[in-house]
Amino acid sequence: MTTLPSVLLVDDDRTTNFLHERLLRRLEVAKQLVAVTNGVQALAYLTSLEGEAEQPYPALILLDLRMSVLDG
């Protein structure tokens, strides 16, 4: 299985983020895992990657569609 450079987890439920992160780390799915708790944080993170050579864009985004601050 090919290891992804980066995965972004977006969920307002911290337990869900924790469990997804733990599973993905155990399966060695990605070199980097980033977890945020709402859509605003996700957009800020993705915007911060613009022009960054060191940080790859996420190859996979696991996104909760119904969140409190900004929906997916």
C-alpha atoms as a PDB file:
ATOM      1  CA  MET A   1       0.000   0.000   0.000  1.00  0.00           C
ATOM      2  CA  THR A   2       1.293   3.431  -0.913  1.00  0.00           C
ATOM      3  CA  THR A   3       1.735   5.864   1.969  1.00  0.00           C
ATOM      4  CA  LEU A   4      -0.001   9.199   1.388  1.00  0.00           C
ATOM      5  CA  PRO A   5       1.979  12.380   2.042  1.00  0.00           C
ATOM      6  CA  SER A   6      -0.769  14.026   4.116  1.00  0.00           C
ATOM      7  CA  VAL A   7      -4.304  13.436   5.435  1.00  0.00           C
ATOM      8  CA  LEU A   8      -6.624  16.104   6.844  1.00  0.00           C
ATOM      9  CA  LEU A   9      -9.306  15.158   9.386  1.00  0.00           C
ATOM     10  CA  VAL A  10     -12.140  17.676   9.825  1.00  0.00           C
ATOM     11  CA  ASP A  11     -14.702  16.877  12.518  1.00  0.00           C
ATOM     12  CA  ASP A  12     -16.173  18.847  15.420  1.00  0.00           C
ATOM     13  CA  ASP A  13     -16.264  15.666  17.509  1.00  0.00           C
ATOM     14  CA  ARG A  14     -12.807  15.368  19.075  1.00  0.00           C
ATOM     15  CA  THR A  15     -13.369  11.690  19.879  1.00  0.00           C
ATOM     16  CA  THR A  16     -14.000  10.913  16.214  1.00  0.00           C
ATOM     17  CA  ASN A  17     -10.838  12.796  15.211  1.00  0.00           C
ATOM     18  CA  PHE A  18      -8.875  10.916  17.884  1.00  0.00           C
ATOM     19  CA  LEU A  19     -10.132   7.503  16.749  1.00  0.00           C
ATOM     20  CA  HIS A  20      -9.579   8.230  13.054  1.00  0.00           C
ATOM     21  CA  GLU A  21      -6.100   9.550  13.759  1.00  0.00           C
ATOM     22  CA  ARG A  22      -5.226   6.528  15.876  1.00  0.00           C
ATOM     23  CA  LEU A  23      -6.475   4.097  13.217  1.00  0.00           C
ATOM     24  CA  LEU A  24      -4.692   5.877  10.365  1.00  0.00           C
ATOM     25  CA  ARG A  25      -1.428   6.003  12.342  1.00  0.00           C
ATOM     26  CA  ARG A  26      -1.677   2.297  13.181  1.00  0.00           C
ATOM     27  CA  LEU A  27      -2.284   1.455   9.512  1.00  0.00           C
ATOM     28  CA  GLU A  28       0.553   3.816   8.467  1.00  0.00           C
ATOM     29  CA  VAL A  29      -1.695   5.412   5.853  1.00  0.00           C
ATOM     30  CA  ALA A  30       0.019   8.818   5.812  1.00  0.00           C
ATOM     31  CA  LYS A  31       3.301  10.451   6.686  1.00  0.00           C
ATOM     32  CA  GLN A  32       1.460  13.437   8.186  1.00  0.00           C
ATOM     33  CA  LEU A  33      -1.968  13.627   9.853  1.00  0.00           C
ATOM     34  CA  VAL A  34      -3.615  16.954  10.629  1.00  0.00           C
ATOM     35  CA  ALA A  35      -6.859  17.177  12.615  1.00  0.00           C
ATOM     36  CA  VAL A  36      -9.032  20.287  12.936  1.00  0.00           C
ATOM     37  CA  THR A  37     -12.446  20.768  14.532  1.00  0.00           C
ATOM     38  CA  ASN A  38     -14.380  22.925  12.046  1.00  0.00           C
ATOM     39  CA  GLY A  39     -14.550  24.143   8.467  1.00  0.00           C
ATOM     40  CA  VAL A  40     -13.007  27.527   9.257  1.00  0.00           C
ATOM     41  CA  GLN A  41      -9.894  25.855  10.673  1.00  0.00           C
ATOM     42  CA  ALA A  42      -9.747  23.504   7.674  1.00  0.00           C
ATOM     43  CA  LEU A  43      -9.896  26.398   5.204  1.00  0.00           C
ATOM     44  CA  ALA A  44      -7.270  28.323   7.196  1.00  0.00           C
ATOM     45  CA  TYR A  45      -4.987  25.280   7.190  1.00  0.00           C
ATOM     46  CA  LEU A  46      -5.405  24.719   3.446  1.00  0.00           C
ATOM     47  CA  THR A  47      -4.821  28.409   2.746  1.00  0.00           C
ATOM     48  CA  SER A  48      -1.641  28.354   4.845  1.00  0.00           C
ATOM     49  CA  LEU A  49      -0.231  25.640   2.572  1.00  0.00           C
ATOM     50  CA  GLU A  50      -0.333  27.900  -0.471  1.00  0.00           C
ATOM     51  CA  GLY A  51       3.214  28.430  -1.668  1.00  0.00           C
ATOM     52  CA  GLU A  52       4.672  26.072   0.970  1.00  0.00           C
ATOM     53  CA  ALA A  53       7.171  23.677  -0.558  1.00  0.00           C
ATOM     54  CA  GLU A  54       7.722  21.741   2.673  1.00  0.00           C
ATOM     55  CA  GLN A  55       4.060  20.995   3.485  1.00  0.00           C
ATOM     56  CA  PRO A  56       2.135  18.960   0.894  1.00  0.00           C
ATOM     57  CA  TYR A  57      -1.579  19.454   0.269  1.00  0.00           C
ATOM     58  CA  PRO A  58      -3.643  16.627   1.786  1.00  0.00           C
ATOM     59  CA  ALA A  59      -4.082  13.680  -0.542  1.00  0.00           C
ATOM     60  CA  LEU A  60      -7.145  12.659   1.482  1.00  0.00           C
ATOM     61  CA  ILE A  61      -9.632  14.742   3.484  1.00  0.00           C
ATOM     62  CA  LEU A  62     -12.067  13.043   5.868  1.00  0.00           C
ATOM     63  CA  LEU A  63     -14.785  15.637   6.384  1.00  0.00           C
ATOM     64  CA  ASP A  64     -17.809  15.757   8.664  1.00  0.00           C
ATOM     65  CA  LEU A  65     -20.655  17.350   6.705  1.00  0.00           C
ATOM     66  CA  ARG A  66     -22.557  18.751   9.722  1.00  0.00           C
ATOM     67  CA  MET A  67     -20.463  20.882  12.071  1.00  0.00           C
ATOM     68  CA  SER A  68     -21.232  23.782  14.367  1.00  0.00           C
ATOM     69  CA  VAL A  69     -19.021  26.633  13.087  1.00  0.00           C
ATOM     70  CA  LEU A  70     -18.915  25.920   9.337  1.00  0.00           C
ATOM     71  CA  ASP A  71     -20.374  22.826   7.716  1.00  0.00           C
ATOM     72  CA  GLY A  72     -18.374  20.619   5.376  1.00  0.00           C
END
